[in-house]
């Protein structure tokens, strides 16, 4: 039920009074209702946005203070450490470049013809 014992018909009557047709003022009345509604929504969104960001900032700073005051030791994955150590050792090894390295930018002209071609001579 609505407060003050109002029925839906009475609410509809109030809404009809608000938007009733009384000349050129109807457009101004609807525009002002729209603008006030938009401003109300903007204020609600702004308050929610500020509250949410301030709350997140305070909770994050609280976590930072707690973690900085109580140092803890982290568990170390020994297998991953050994694997990384091996990879670093392989990376530090110097590889030798062969002397007869094929140059991919020089193409041998004798091999330019496709293999199964026949050449005919005209007489």
PDB file of N, CA and C in Angstrom:
ATOM      1  N   UNK A   1       0.835  -1.191   0.000  1.00  0.00           N
ATOM      2  CA  UNK A   1       0.000   0.000   0.000  1.00  0.00           C
ATOM      3  C   UNK A   1       0.876   1.249   0.000  1.00  0.00           C
ATOM      4  N   UNK A   2       0.344   2.280  -0.541  1.00  0.00           N
ATOM      5  CA  UNK A   2       1.044   3.549  -0.525  1.00  0.00           C
ATOM      6  C   UNK A   2       0.806   4.250   0.805  1.00  0.00           C
ATOM      7  N   UNK A   3       1.707   5.149   1.162  1.00  0.00           N
ATOM      8  CA  UNK A   3       1.549   5.868   2.422  1.00  0.00           C
ATOM      9  C   UNK A   3       0.367   6.832   2.331  1.00  0.00           C
ATOM     10  N   UNK A   4      -0.187   7.203   3.450  1.00  0.00           N
ATOM     11  CA  UNK A   4      -1.329   8.127   3.559  1.00  0.00           C
ATOM     12  C   UNK A   4      -2.564   7.602   2.847  1.00  0.00           C
ATOM     13  N   UNK A   5      -2.667   6.275   2.682  1.00  0.00           N
ATOM     14  CA  UNK A   5      -3.843   5.635   2.096  1.00  0.00           C
ATOM     15  C   UNK A   5      -4.181   6.177   0.708  1.00  0.00           C
ATOM     16  N   UNK A   6      -3.170   6.413  -0.111  1.00  0.00           N
ATOM     17  CA  UNK A   6      -3.411   6.856  -1.484  1.00  0.00           C
ATOM     18  C   UNK A   6      -3.578   5.636  -2.374  1.00  0.00           C
ATOM     19  N   UNK A   7      -4.508   5.709  -3.288  1.00  0.00           N
ATOM     20  CA  UNK A   7      -4.678   4.617  -4.239  1.00  0.00           C
ATOM     21  C   UNK A   7      -3.899   4.959  -5.506  1.00  0.00           C
ATOM     22  N   UNK A   8      -3.762   3.971  -6.361  1.00  0.00           N
ATOM     23  CA  UNK A   8      -3.035   4.196  -7.614  1.00  0.00           C
ATOM     24  C   UNK A   8      -3.786   5.164  -8.505  1.00  0.00           C
ATOM     25  N   UNK A   9      -5.069   5.186  -8.400  1.00  0.00           N
ATOM     26  CA  UNK A   9      -5.852   6.131  -9.205  1.00  0.00           C
ATOM     27  C   UNK A   9      -5.563   7.564  -8.781  1.00  0.00           C
ATOM     28  N   UNK A  10      -5.418   7.787  -7.458  1.00  0.00           N
ATOM     29  CA  UNK A  10      -5.099   9.130  -6.988  1.00  0.00           C
ATOM     30  C   UNK A  10      -3.698   9.544  -7.415  1.00  0.00           C
ATOM     31  N   UNK A  11      -2.755   8.582  -7.373  1.00  0.00           N
ATOM     32  CA  UNK A  11      -1.392   8.884  -7.830  1.00  0.00           C
ATOM     33  C   UNK A  11      -1.417   9.238  -9.307  1.00  0.00           C
ATOM     34  N   UNK A  12      -2.180   8.479 -10.090  1.00  0.00           N
ATOM     35  CA  UNK A  12      -2.301   8.801 -11.509  1.00  0.00           C
ATOM     36  C   UNK A  12      -2.920  10.171 -11.717  1.00  0.00           C
ATOM     37  N   UNK A  13      -3.865  10.544 -10.844  1.00  0.00           N
ATOM     38  CA  UNK A  13      -4.462  11.870 -10.933  1.00  0.00           C
ATOM     39  C   UNK A  13      -3.456  12.960 -10.651  1.00  0.00           C
ATOM     40  N   UNK A  14      -2.589  12.742  -9.661  1.00  0.00           N
ATOM     41  CA  UNK A  14      -1.543  13.721  -9.365  1.00  0.00           C
ATOM     42  C   UNK A  14      -0.577  13.856 -10.533  1.00  0.00           C
ATOM     43  N   UNK A  15      -0.244  12.719 -11.142  1.00  0.00           N
ATOM     44  CA  UNK A  15       0.661  12.775 -12.300  1.00  0.00           C
ATOM     45  C   UNK A  15       0.000  13.503 -13.466  1.00  0.00           C
ATOM     46  N   UNK A  16      -1.289  13.304 -13.631  1.00  0.00           N
ATOM     47  CA  UNK A  16      -1.979  14.007 -14.714  1.00  0.00           C
ATOM     48  C   UNK A  16      -2.014  15.508 -14.456  1.00  0.00           C
ATOM     49  N   UNK A  17      -2.120  15.897 -13.185  1.00  0.00           N
ATOM     50  CA  UNK A  17      -2.105  17.323 -12.869  1.00  0.00           C
ATOM     51  C   UNK A  17      -0.748  17.926 -13.193  1.00  0.00           C
ATOM     52  N   UNK A  18       0.318  17.141 -12.953  1.00  0.00           N
ATOM     53  CA  UNK A  18       1.661  17.657 -13.195  1.00  0.00           C
ATOM     54  C   UNK A  18       1.890  17.895 -14.680  1.00  0.00           C
ATOM     55  N   UNK A  19       1.434  16.971 -15.505  1.00  0.00           N
ATOM     56  CA  UNK A  19       1.710  17.067 -16.941  1.00  0.00           C
ATOM     57  C   UNK A  19       0.466  17.454 -17.737  1.00  0.00           C
ATOM     58  N   UNK A  20      -0.481  18.083 -17.101  1.00  0.00           N
ATOM     59  CA  UNK A  20      -1.714  18.439 -17.813  1.00  0.00           C
ATOM     60  C   UNK A  20      -1.417  19.445 -18.914  1.00  0.00           C
ATOM     61  N   UNK A  21      -2.281  19.484 -19.854  1.00  0.00           N
ATOM     62  CA  UNK A  21      -2.078  20.333 -21.022  1.00  0.00           C
ATOM     63  C   UNK A  21      -2.640  21.710 -20.727  1.00  0.00           C
ATOM     64  N   UNK A  22      -1.777  22.653 -20.450  1.00  0.00           N
ATOM     65  CA  UNK A  22      -2.234  24.019 -20.257  1.00  0.00           C
ATOM     66  C   UNK A  22      -1.364  24.959 -21.090  1.00  0.00           C
ATOM     67  N   UNK A  23      -1.445  24.762 -22.380  1.00  0.00           N
ATOM     68  CA  UNK A  23      -0.777  25.656 -23.300  1.00  0.00           C
ATOM     69  C   UNK A  23       0.704  25.366 -23.455  1.00  0.00           C
ATOM     70  N   UNK A  24       1.471  26.424 -23.646  1.00  0.00           N
ATOM     71  CA  UNK A  24       2.895  26.287 -23.909  1.00  0.00           C
ATOM     72  C   UNK A  24       3.699  26.035 -22.640  1.00  0.00           C
ATOM     73  N   UNK A  25       3.076  26.036 -21.456  1.00  0.00           N
ATOM     74  CA  UNK A  25       3.802  25.759 -20.225  1.00  0.00           C
ATOM     75  C   UNK A  25       4.051  24.272 -20.014  1.00  0.00           C
ATOM     76  N   UNK A  26       3.344  23.413 -20.718  1.00  0.00           N
ATOM     77  CA  UNK A  26       3.520  21.968 -20.552  1.00  0.00           C
ATOM     78  C   UNK A  26       4.944  21.552 -20.914  1.00  0.00           C
ATOM     79  N   UNK A  27       5.452  22.046 -22.012  1.00  0.00           N
ATOM     80  CA  UNK A  27       6.812  21.697 -22.438  1.00  0.00           C
ATOM     81  C   UNK A  27       7.833  22.173 -21.408  1.00  0.00           C
ATOM     82  N   UNK A  28       7.643  23.393 -20.871  1.00  0.00           N
ATOM     83  CA  UNK A  28       8.564  23.890 -19.859  1.00  0.00           C
ATOM     84  C   UNK A  28       8.489  23.059 -18.587  1.00  0.00           C
ATOM     85  N   UNK A  29       7.277  22.650 -18.222  1.00  0.00           N
ATOM     86  CA  UNK A  29       7.108  21.841 -17.010  1.00  0.00           C
ATOM     87  C   UNK A  29       7.802  20.490 -17.167  1.00  0.00           C
ATOM     88  N   UNK A  30       7.610  19.832 -18.316  1.00  0.00           N
ATOM     89  CA  UNK A  30       8.264  18.537 -18.560  1.00  0.00           C
ATOM     90  C   UNK A  30       9.785  18.695 -18.645  1.00  0.00           C
ATOM     91  N   UNK A  31      10.233  19.771 -19.251  1.00  0.00           N
ATOM     92  CA  UNK A  31      11.678  19.995 -19.356  1.00  0.00           C
ATOM     93  C   UNK A  31      12.283  20.215 -17.973  1.00  0.00           C
ATOM     94  N   UNK A  32      11.591  20.981 -17.122  1.00  0.00           N
ATOM     95  CA  UNK A  32      12.132  21.222 -15.784  1.00  0.00           C
ATOM     96  C   UNK A  32      12.129  19.934 -14.960  1.00  0.00           C
ATOM     97  N   UNK A  33      11.106  19.108 -15.099  1.00  0.00           N
ATOM     98  CA  UNK A  33      11.082  17.819 -14.394  1.00  0.00           C
ATOM     99  C   UNK A  33      12.234  16.942 -14.870  1.00  0.00           C
ATOM    100  N   UNK A  34      12.480  16.926 -16.178  1.00  0.00           N
ATOM    101  CA  UNK A  34      13.586  16.137 -16.726  1.00  0.00           C
ATOM    102  C   UNK A  34      14.932  16.631 -16.243  1.00  0.00           C
ATOM    103  N   UNK A  35      15.115  17.944 -16.217  1.00  0.00           N
ATOM    104  CA  UNK A  35      16.395  18.510 -15.784  1.00  0.00           C
ATOM    105  C   UNK A  35      16.628  18.242 -14.298  1.00  0.00           C
ATOM    106  N   UNK A  36      15.592  18.440 -13.479  1.00  0.00           N
ATOM    107  CA  UNK A  36      15.737  18.188 -12.049  1.00  0.00           C
ATOM    108  C   UNK A  36      16.008  16.706 -11.805  1.00  0.00           C
ATOM    109  N   UNK A  37      15.334  15.834 -12.550  1.00  0.00           N
ATOM    110  CA  UNK A  37      15.589  14.396 -12.416  1.00  0.00           C
ATOM    111  C   UNK A  37      17.014  14.041 -12.806  1.00  0.00           C
ATOM    112  N   UNK A  38      17.490  14.623 -13.899  1.00  0.00           N
ATOM    113  CA  UNK A  38      18.863  14.359 -14.350  1.00  0.00           C
ATOM    114  C   UNK A  38      19.869  14.856 -13.325  1.00  0.00           C
ATOM    115  N   UNK A  39      19.637  16.057 -12.777  1.00  0.00           N
ATOM    116  CA  UNK A  39      20.549  16.586 -11.770  1.00  0.00           C
ATOM    117  C   UNK A  39      20.525  15.731 -10.510  1.00  0.00           C
ATOM    118  N   UNK A  40      19.353  15.238 -10.141  1.00  0.00           N
ATOM    119  CA  UNK A  40      19.261  14.352  -8.983  1.00  0.00           C
ATOM    120  C   UNK A  40      20.054  13.073  -9.191  1.00  0.00           C
ATOM    121  N   UNK A  41      19.915  12.478 -10.374  1.00  0.00           N
ATOM    122  CA  UNK A  41      20.683  11.268 -10.685  1.00  0.00           C
ATOM    123  C   UNK A  41      22.185  11.550 -10.707  1.00  0.00           C
ATOM    124  N   UNK A  42      22.567  12.705 -11.220  1.00  0.00           N
ATOM    125  CA  UNK A  42      23.990  13.065 -11.257  1.00  0.00           C
ATOM    126  C   UNK A  42      24.544  13.228  -9.842  1.00  0.00           C
ATOM    127  N   UNK A  43      23.752  13.832  -8.949  1.00  0.00           N
ATOM    128  CA  UNK A  43      24.201  14.002  -7.560  1.00  0.00           C
ATOM    129  C   UNK A  43      24.328  12.642  -6.885  1.00  0.00           C
ATOM    130  N   UNK A  44      23.355  11.757  -7.096  1.00  0.00           N
ATOM    131  CA  UNK A  44      23.416  10.418  -6.494  1.00  0.00           C
ATOM    132  C   UNK A  44      24.626   9.654  -7.020  1.00  0.00           C
ATOM    133  N   UNK A  45      24.866   9.706  -8.324  1.00  0.00           N
ATOM    134  CA  UNK A  45      26.016   9.019  -8.902  1.00  0.00           C
ATOM    135  C   UNK A  45      27.329   9.589  -8.369  1.00  0.00           C
ATOM    136  N   UNK A  46      27.415  10.918  -8.231  1.00  0.00           N
ATOM    137  CA  UNK A  46      28.627  11.549  -7.723  1.00  0.00           C
ATOM    138  C   UNK A  46      28.897  11.140  -6.281  1.00  0.00           C
ATOM    139  N   UNK A  47      27.846  11.135  -5.463  1.00  0.00           N
ATOM    140  CA  UNK A  47      28.017  10.727  -4.065  1.00  0.00           C
ATOM    141  C   UNK A  47      28.466   9.274  -3.986  1.00  0.00           C
ATOM    142  N   UNK A  48      27.861   8.403  -4.799  1.00  0.00           N
ATOM    143  CA  UNK A  48      28.259   6.990  -4.803  1.00  0.00           C
ATOM    144  C   UNK A  48      29.711   6.838  -5.253  1.00  0.00           C
ATOM    145  N   UNK A  49      30.099   7.564  -6.297  1.00  0.00           N
ATOM    146  CA  UNK A  49      31.456   7.469  -6.832  1.00  0.00           C
ATOM    147  C   UNK A  49      32.474   7.923  -5.787  1.00  0.00           C
ATOM    148  N   UNK A  50      32.213   9.058  -5.134  1.00  0.00           N
ATOM    149  CA  UNK A  50      33.140   9.566  -4.125  1.00  0.00           C
ATOM    150  C   UNK A  50      33.214   8.608  -2.943  1.00  0.00           C
ATOM    151  N   UNK A  51      32.064   8.127  -2.486  1.00  0.00           N
ATOM    152  CA  UNK A  51      32.054   7.200  -1.355  1.00  0.00           C
ATOM    153  C   UNK A  51      32.832   5.933  -1.681  1.00  0.00           C
ATOM    154  N   UNK A  52      32.584   5.388  -2.869  1.00  0.00           N
ATOM    155  CA  UNK A  52      33.240   4.143  -3.262  1.00  0.00           C
ATOM    156  C   UNK A  52      34.752   4.335  -3.346  1.00  0.00           C
ATOM    157  N   UNK A  53      35.228   5.410  -3.943  1.00  0.00           N
ATOM    158  CA  UNK A  53      36.667   5.627  -4.079  1.00  0.00           C
ATOM    159  C   UNK A  53      37.328   5.913  -2.737  1.00  0.00           C
ATOM    160  N   UNK A  54      36.666   6.691  -1.885  1.00  0.00           N
ATOM    161  CA  UNK A  54      37.248   6.968  -0.569  1.00  0.00           C
ATOM    162  C   UNK A  54      37.309   5.682   0.244  1.00  0.00           C
ATOM    163  N   UNK A  55      36.271   4.872   0.189  1.00  0.00           N
ATOM    164  CA  UNK A  55      36.266   3.616   0.928  1.00  0.00           C
ATOM    165  C   UNK A  55      37.376   2.685   0.437  1.00  0.00           C
ATOM    166  N   UNK A  56      37.529   2.568  -0.880  1.00  0.00           N
ATOM    167  CA  UNK A  56      38.588   1.711  -1.426  1.00  0.00           C
ATOM    168  C   UNK A  56      39.975   2.232  -1.049  1.00  0.00           C
ATOM    169  N   UNK A  57      40.156   3.542  -1.075  1.00  0.00           N
ATOM    170  CA  UNK A  57      41.447   4.120  -0.709  1.00  0.00           C
ATOM    171  C   UNK A  57      41.771   3.844   0.750  1.00  0.00           C
ATOM    172  N   UNK A  58      40.793   4.022   1.627  1.00  0.00           N
ATOM    173  CA  UNK A  58      41.031   3.764   3.049  1.00  0.00           C
ATOM    174  C   UNK A  58      41.305   2.286   3.315  1.00  0.00           C
ATOM    175  N   UNK A  59      40.578   1.407   2.644  1.00  0.00           N
ATOM    176  CA  UNK A  59      40.813  -0.021   2.873  1.00  0.00           C
ATOM    177  C   UNK A  59      42.174  -0.446   2.330  1.00  0.00           C
ATOM    178  N   UNK A  60      42.584   0.089   1.184  1.00  0.00           N
ATOM    179  CA  UNK A  60      43.906  -0.237   0.639  1.00  0.00           C
ATOM    180  C   UNK A  60      45.024   0.297   1.530  1.00  0.00           C
ATOM    181  N   UNK A  61      44.857   1.510   2.059  1.00  0.00           N
ATOM    182  CA  UNK A  61      45.889   2.042   2.941  1.00  0.00           C
ATOM    183  C   UNK A  61      45.957   1.249   4.238  1.00  0.00           C
ATOM    184  N   UNK A  62      44.825   0.745   4.697  1.00  0.00           N
ATOM    185  CA  UNK A  62      44.816  -0.088   5.899  1.00  0.00           C
ATOM    186  C   UNK A  62      45.581  -1.389   5.647  1.00  0.00           C
ATOM    187  N   UNK A  63      45.391  -1.985   4.493  1.00  0.00           N
ATOM    188  CA  UNK A  63      46.108  -3.216   4.153  1.00  0.00           C
ATOM    189  C   UNK A  63      47.610  -2.947   4.063  1.00  0.00           C
ATOM    190  N   UNK A  64      47.985  -1.819   3.479  1.00  0.00           N
ATOM    191  CA  UNK A  64      49.404  -1.470   3.360  1.00  0.00           C
ATOM    192  C   UNK A  64      50.024  -1.286   4.742  1.00  0.00           C
ATOM    193  N   UNK A  65      49.303  -0.618   5.636  1.00  0.00           N
ATOM    194  CA  UNK A  65      49.828  -0.426   6.997  1.00  0.00           C
ATOM    195  C   UNK A  65      49.981  -1.750   7.722  1.00  0.00           C
ATOM    196  N   UNK A  66      49.011  -2.635   7.586  1.00  0.00           N
ATOM    197  CA  UNK A  66      49.090  -3.932   8.256  1.00  0.00           C
ATOM    198  C   UNK A  66      50.257  -4.744   7.713  1.00  0.00           C
ATOM    199  N   UNK A  67      50.420  -4.765   6.398  1.00  0.00           N
ATOM    200  CA  UNK A  67      51.507  -5.553   5.808  1.00  0.00           C
ATOM    201  C   UNK A  67      52.879  -4.958   6.104  1.00  0.00           C
ATOM    202  N   UNK A  68      52.969  -3.646   6.214  1.00  0.00           N
ATOM    203  CA  UNK A  68      54.275  -3.047   6.491  1.00  0.00           C
ATOM    204  C   UNK A  68      54.683  -3.225   7.948  1.00  0.00           C
ATOM    205  N   UNK A  69      53.726  -3.361   8.835  1.00  0.00           N
ATOM    206  CA  UNK A  69      54.044  -3.518  10.250  1.00  0.00           C
ATOM    207  C   UNK A  69      54.326  -4.962  10.644  1.00  0.00           C
ATOM    208  N   UNK A  70      53.907  -5.898   9.847  1.00  0.00           N
ATOM    209  CA  UNK A  70      54.127  -7.304  10.202  1.00  0.00           C
ATOM    210  C   UNK A  70      54.793  -8.020   9.034  1.00  0.00           C
ATOM    211  N   UNK A  71      56.124  -7.971   8.982  1.00  0.00           N
ATOM    212  CA  UNK A  71      56.814  -8.647   7.877  1.00  0.00           C
ATOM    213  C   UNK A  71      56.630 -10.158   7.971  1.00  0.00           C
ATOM    214  N   UNK A  72      56.390 -10.769   6.843  1.00  0.00           N
ATOM    215  CA  UNK A  72      56.179 -12.205   6.783  1.00  0.00           C
ATOM    216  C   UNK A  72      57.121 -12.796   5.759  1.00  0.00           C
ATOM    217  N   UNK A  73      57.442 -14.054   5.966  1.00  0.00           N
ATOM    218  CA  UNK A  73      58.306 -14.724   4.993  1.00  0.00           C
ATOM    219  C   UNK A  73      57.421 -15.412   3.956  1.00  0.00           C
ATOM    220  N   UNK A  74      57.800 -15.251   2.717  1.00  0.00           N
ATOM    221  CA  UNK A  74      57.064 -15.886   1.630  1.00  0.00           C
ATOM    222  C   UNK A  74      57.627 -17.269   1.365  1.00  0.00           C
ATOM    223  N   UNK A  75      56.784 -18.162   0.919  1.00  0.00           N
ATOM    224  CA  UNK A  75      57.255 -19.495   0.553  1.00  0.00           C
ATOM    225  C   UNK A  75      57.960 -19.410  -0.787  1.00  0.00           C
ATOM    226  N   UNK A  76      59.023 -20.169  -0.920  1.00  0.00           N
ATOM    227  CA  UNK A  76      59.823 -20.152  -2.142  1.00  0.00           C
ATOM    228  C   UNK A  76      59.614 -21.469  -2.868  1.00  0.00           C
ATOM    229  N   UNK A  77      59.331 -21.370  -4.151  1.00  0.00           N
ATOM    230  CA  UNK A  77      59.196 -22.554  -4.983  1.00  0.00           C
ATOM    231  C   UNK A  77      60.589 -22.944  -5.459  1.00  0.00           C
ATOM    232  N   UNK A  78      61.149 -23.963  -4.839  1.00  0.00           N
ATOM    233  CA  UNK A  78      62.528 -24.354  -5.118  1.00  0.00           C
ATOM    234  C   UNK A  78      62.664 -24.892  -6.540  1.00  0.00           C
ATOM    235  N   UNK A  79      61.673 -25.639  -7.013  1.00  0.00           N
ATOM    236  CA  UNK A  79      61.745 -26.177  -8.384  1.00  0.00           C
ATOM    237  C   UNK A  79      61.801 -25.051  -9.412  1.00  0.00           C
ATOM    238  N   UNK A  80      60.969 -24.038  -9.240  1.00  0.00           N
ATOM    239  CA  UNK A  80      60.975 -22.917 -10.171  1.00  0.00           C
ATOM    240  C   UNK A  80      62.294 -22.154 -10.093  1.00  0.00           C
ATOM    241  N   UNK A  81      62.862 -22.048  -8.895  1.00  0.00           N
ATOM    242  CA  UNK A  81      64.148 -21.367  -8.728  1.00  0.00           C
ATOM    243  C   UNK A  81      65.253 -22.121  -9.463  1.00  0.00           C
ATOM    244  N   UNK A  82      65.285 -23.435  -9.315  1.00  0.00           N
ATOM    245  CA  UNK A  82      66.311 -24.239  -9.990  1.00  0.00           C
ATOM    246  C   UNK A  82      66.151 -24.166 -11.506  1.00  0.00           C
ATOM    247  N   UNK A  83      64.902 -24.202 -11.974  1.00  0.00           N
ATOM    248  CA  UNK A  83      64.653 -24.127 -13.413  1.00  0.00           C
ATOM    249  C   UNK A  83      65.113 -22.772 -13.966  1.00  0.00           C
ATOM    250  N   UNK A  84      64.817 -21.696 -13.251  1.00  0.00           N
ATOM    251  CA  UNK A  84      65.249 -20.368 -13.686  1.00  0.00           C
ATOM    252  C   UNK A  84      66.767 -20.253 -13.666  1.00  0.00           C
ATOM    253  N   UNK A  85      67.401 -20.875 -12.678  1.00  0.00           N
ATOM    254  CA  UNK A  85      68.863 -20.845 -12.588  1.00  0.00           C
ATOM    255  C   UNK A  85      69.499 -21.564 -13.774  1.00  0.00           C
ATOM    256  N   UNK A  86      68.911 -22.709 -14.175  1.00  0.00           N
ATOM    257  CA  UNK A  86      69.417 -23.440 -15.343  1.00  0.00           C
ATOM    258  C   UNK A  86      69.231 -22.636 -16.622  1.00  0.00           C
ATOM    259  N   UNK A  87      68.107 -21.986 -16.758  1.00  0.00           N
ATOM    260  CA  UNK A  87      67.836 -21.194 -17.970  1.00  0.00           C
ATOM    261  C   UNK A  87      68.808 -20.022 -18.052  1.00  0.00           C
ATOM    262  N   UNK A  88      69.093 -19.388 -16.935  1.00  0.00           N
ATOM    263  CA  UNK A  88      70.055 -18.272 -16.934  1.00  0.00           C
ATOM    264  C   UNK A  88      71.452 -18.778 -17.290  1.00  0.00           C
ATOM    265  N   UNK A  89      71.821 -19.951 -16.792  1.00  0.00           N
ATOM    266  CA  UNK A  89      73.133 -20.513 -17.111  1.00  0.00           C
ATOM    267  C   UNK A  89      73.233 -20.817 -18.610  1.00  0.00           C
ATOM    268  N   UNK A  90      72.160 -21.354 -19.209  1.00  0.00           N
ATOM    269  CA  UNK A  90      72.168 -21.627 -20.655  1.00  0.00           C
ATOM    270  C   UNK A  90      72.240 -20.328 -21.446  1.00  0.00           C
ATOM    271  N   UNK A  91      71.592 -19.307 -20.944  1.00  0.00           N
ATOM    272  CA  UNK A  91      71.574 -18.038 -21.645  1.00  0.00           C
ATOM    273  C   UNK A  91      72.954 -17.373 -21.643  1.00  0.00           C
ATOM    274  N   UNK A  92      73.749 -17.607 -20.629  1.00  0.00           N
ATOM    275  CA  UNK A  92      75.066 -17.004 -20.518  1.00  0.00           C
ATOM    276  C   UNK A  92      76.117 -17.697 -21.373  1.00  0.00           C
ATOM    277  N   UNK A  93      75.818 -18.907 -21.844  1.00  0.00           N
ATOM    278  CA  UNK A  93      76.779 -19.618 -22.689  1.00  0.00           C
ATOM    279  C   UNK A  93      76.852 -18.947 -24.050  1.00  0.00           C
ATOM    280  N   UNK A  94      78.078 -18.804 -24.567  1.00  0.00           N
ATOM    281  CA  UNK A  94      78.290 -18.170 -25.859  1.00  0.00           C
ATOM    282  C   UNK A  94      78.173 -19.234 -26.935  1.00  0.00           C
ATOM    283  N   UNK A  95      77.361 -18.976 -27.907  1.00  0.00           N
ATOM    284  CA  UNK A  95      77.226 -19.922 -29.019  1.00  0.00           C
ATOM    285  C   UNK A  95      78.099 -19.458 -30.168  1.00  0.00           C
ATOM    286  N   UNK A  96      78.636 -20.413 -30.892  1.00  0.00           N
ATOM    287  CA  UNK A  96      79.508 -20.068 -32.019  1.00  0.00           C
ATOM    288  C   UNK A  96      78.694 -20.105 -33.304  1.00  0.00           C
ATOM    289  N   UNK A  97      78.990 -19.176 -34.177  1.00  0.00           N
ATOM    290  CA  UNK A  97      78.314 -19.089 -35.467  1.00  0.00           C
ATOM    291  C   UNK A  97      79.180 -19.819 -36.487  1.00  0.00           C
ATOM    292  N   UNK A  98      78.599 -20.740 -37.265  1.00  0.00           N
ATOM    293  CA  UNK A  98      79.407 -21.468 -38.256  1.00  0.00           C
ATOM    294  C   UNK A  98      79.945 -20.534 -39.346  1.00  0.00           C
ATOM    295  N   UNK A  99      81.093 -20.906 -39.882  1.00  0.00           N
ATOM    296  CA  UNK A  99      81.738 -20.080 -40.903  1.00  0.00           C
ATOM    297  C   UNK A  99      80.941 -20.116 -42.205  1.00  0.00           C
ATOM    298  N   UNK A 100      80.466 -21.284 -42.613  1.00  0.00           N
ATOM    299  CA  UNK A 100      79.743 -21.437 -43.867  1.00  0.00           C
ATOM    300  C   UNK A 100      78.239 -21.260 -43.641  1.00  0.00           C
ATOM    301  N   UNK A 101      77.868 -20.136 -43.136  1.00  0.00           N
ATOM    302  CA  UNK A 101      76.451 -19.852 -42.882  1.00  0.00           C
ATOM    303  C   UNK A 101      75.785 -19.470 -44.197  1.00  0.00           C
ATOM    304  N   UNK A 102      74.646 -20.058 -44.481  1.00  0.00           N
ATOM    305  CA  UNK A 102      73.948 -19.793 -45.733  1.00  0.00           C
ATOM    306  C   UNK A 102      73.316 -18.412 -45.677  1.00  0.00           C
ATOM    307  N   UNK A 103      73.560 -17.623 -46.694  1.00  0.00           N
ATOM    308  CA  UNK A 103      72.976 -16.300 -46.785  1.00  0.00           C
ATOM    309  C   UNK A 103      71.613 -16.421 -47.456  1.00  0.00           C
ATOM    310  N   UNK A 104      70.578 -16.091 -46.760  1.00  0.00           N
ATOM    311  CA  UNK A 104      69.233 -16.276 -47.329  1.00  0.00           C
ATOM    312  C   UNK A 104      68.875 -15.185 -48.320  1.00  0.00           C
ATOM    313  N   UNK A 105      69.675 -14.129 -48.419  1.00  0.00           N
ATOM    314  CA  UNK A 105      69.369 -13.055 -49.335  1.00  0.00           C
ATOM    315  C   UNK A 105      70.022 -13.230 -50.709  1.00  0.00           C
ATOM    316  N   UNK A 106      70.934 -14.172 -50.826  1.00  0.00           N
ATOM    317  CA  UNK A 106      71.548 -14.457 -52.121  1.00  0.00           C
ATOM    318  C   UNK A 106      70.945 -15.754 -52.622  1.00  0.00           C
ATOM    319  N   UNK A 107      70.308 -15.682 -53.767  1.00  0.00           N
ATOM    320  CA  UNK A 107      69.612 -16.840 -54.318  1.00  0.00           C
ATOM    321  C   UNK A 107      70.385 -17.364 -55.506  1.00  0.00           C
ATOM    322  N   UNK A 108      70.681 -18.637 -55.518  1.00  0.00           N
ATOM    323  CA  UNK A 108      71.443 -19.259 -56.596  1.00  0.00           C
ATOM    324  C   UNK A 108      70.575 -19.304 -57.848  1.00  0.00           C
ATOM    325  N   UNK A 109      71.065 -18.700 -58.943  1.00  0.00           N
ATOM    326  CA  UNK A 109      70.265 -18.606 -60.162  1.00  0.00           C
ATOM    327  C   UNK A 109      70.142 -19.933 -60.889  1.00  0.00           C
ATOM    328  N   UNK A 110      71.005 -20.871 -60.646  1.00  0.00           N
ATOM    329  CA  UNK A 110      70.930 -22.144 -61.353  1.00  0.00           C
ATOM    330  C   UNK A 110      69.735 -22.972 -60.867  1.00  0.00           C
ATOM    331  N   UNK A 111      69.201 -22.661 -59.748  1.00  0.00           N
ATOM    332  CA  UNK A 111      68.077 -23.425 -59.216  1.00  0.00           C
ATOM    333  C   UNK A 111      66.752 -22.674 -59.327  1.00  0.00           C
ATOM    334  N   UNK A 112      66.663 -21.722 -60.245  1.00  0.00           N
ATOM    335  CA  UNK A 112      65.443 -20.932 -60.331  1.00  0.00           C
ATOM    336  C   UNK A 112      64.348 -21.614 -61.126  1.00  0.00           C
ATOM    337  N   UNK A 113      64.697 -22.574 -61.996  1.00  0.00           N
ATOM    338  CA  UNK A 113      63.672 -23.252 -62.795  1.00  0.00           C
ATOM    339  C   UNK A 113      63.004 -24.334 -61.951  1.00  0.00           C
ATOM    340  N   UNK A 114      61.705 -24.459 -62.100  1.00  0.00           N
ATOM    341  CA  UNK A 114      61.041 -25.534 -61.365  1.00  0.00           C
ATOM    342  C   UNK A 114      61.474 -26.889 -61.891  1.00  0.00           C
ATOM    343  N   UNK A 115      61.478 -27.927 -61.069  1.00  0.00           N
ATOM    344  CA  UNK A 115      62.009 -29.220 -61.482  1.00  0.00           C
ATOM    345  C   UNK A 115      61.270 -29.893 -62.616  1.00  0.00           C
ATOM    346  N   UNK A 116      60.428 -30.341 -62.963  1.00  0.00           N
ATOM    347  CA  UNK A 116      59.833 -31.132 -64.034  1.00  0.00           C
ATOM    348  C   UNK A 116      59.351 -30.276 -65.201  1.00  0.00           C
ATOM    349  N   UNK A 117      60.233 -29.477 -65.791  1.00  0.00           N
ATOM    350  CA  UNK A 117      59.810 -28.681 -66.935  1.00  0.00           C
ATOM    351  C   UNK A 117      60.564 -29.168 -68.165  1.00  0.00           C
ATOM    352  N   UNK A 118      59.910 -29.107 -69.248  1.00  0.00           N
ATOM    353  CA  UNK A 118      60.557 -29.505 -70.513  1.00  0.00           C
ATOM    354  C   UNK A 118      60.629 -28.277 -71.390  1.00  0.00           C
ATOM    355  N   UNK A 119      61.734 -28.177 -72.082  1.00  0.00           N
ATOM    356  CA  UNK A 119      61.894 -27.039 -72.983  1.00  0.00           C
ATOM    357  C   UNK A 119      61.811 -27.560 -74.404  1.00  0.00           C
ATOM    358  N   UNK A 120      61.066 -26.883 -75.180  1.00  0.00           N
ATOM    359  CA  UNK A 120      60.944 -27.295 -76.600  1.00  0.00           C
ATOM    360  C   UNK A 120      61.557 -26.199 -77.454  1.00  0.00           C
ATOM    361  N   UNK A 121      62.162 -26.627 -78.515  1.00  0.00           N
ATOM    362  CA  UNK A 121      62.758 -25.678 -79.430  1.00  0.00           C
ATOM    363  C   UNK A 121      61.895 -25.627 -80.670  1.00  0.00           C
ATOM    364  N   UNK A 122      61.637 -24.485 -81.150  1.00  0.00           N
ATOM    365  CA  UNK A 122      60.811 -24.349 -82.359  1.00  0.00           C
ATOM    366  C   UNK A 122      61.729 -24.292 -83.566  1.00  0.00           C
ATOM    367  N   UNK A 123      61.292 -24.922 -84.661  1.00  0.00           N
ATOM    368  CA  UNK A 123      62.093 -24.965 -85.876  1.00  0.00           C
ATOM    369  C   UNK A 123      61.502 -24.108 -86.940  1.00  0.00           C
TER     370      UNK A 123
END
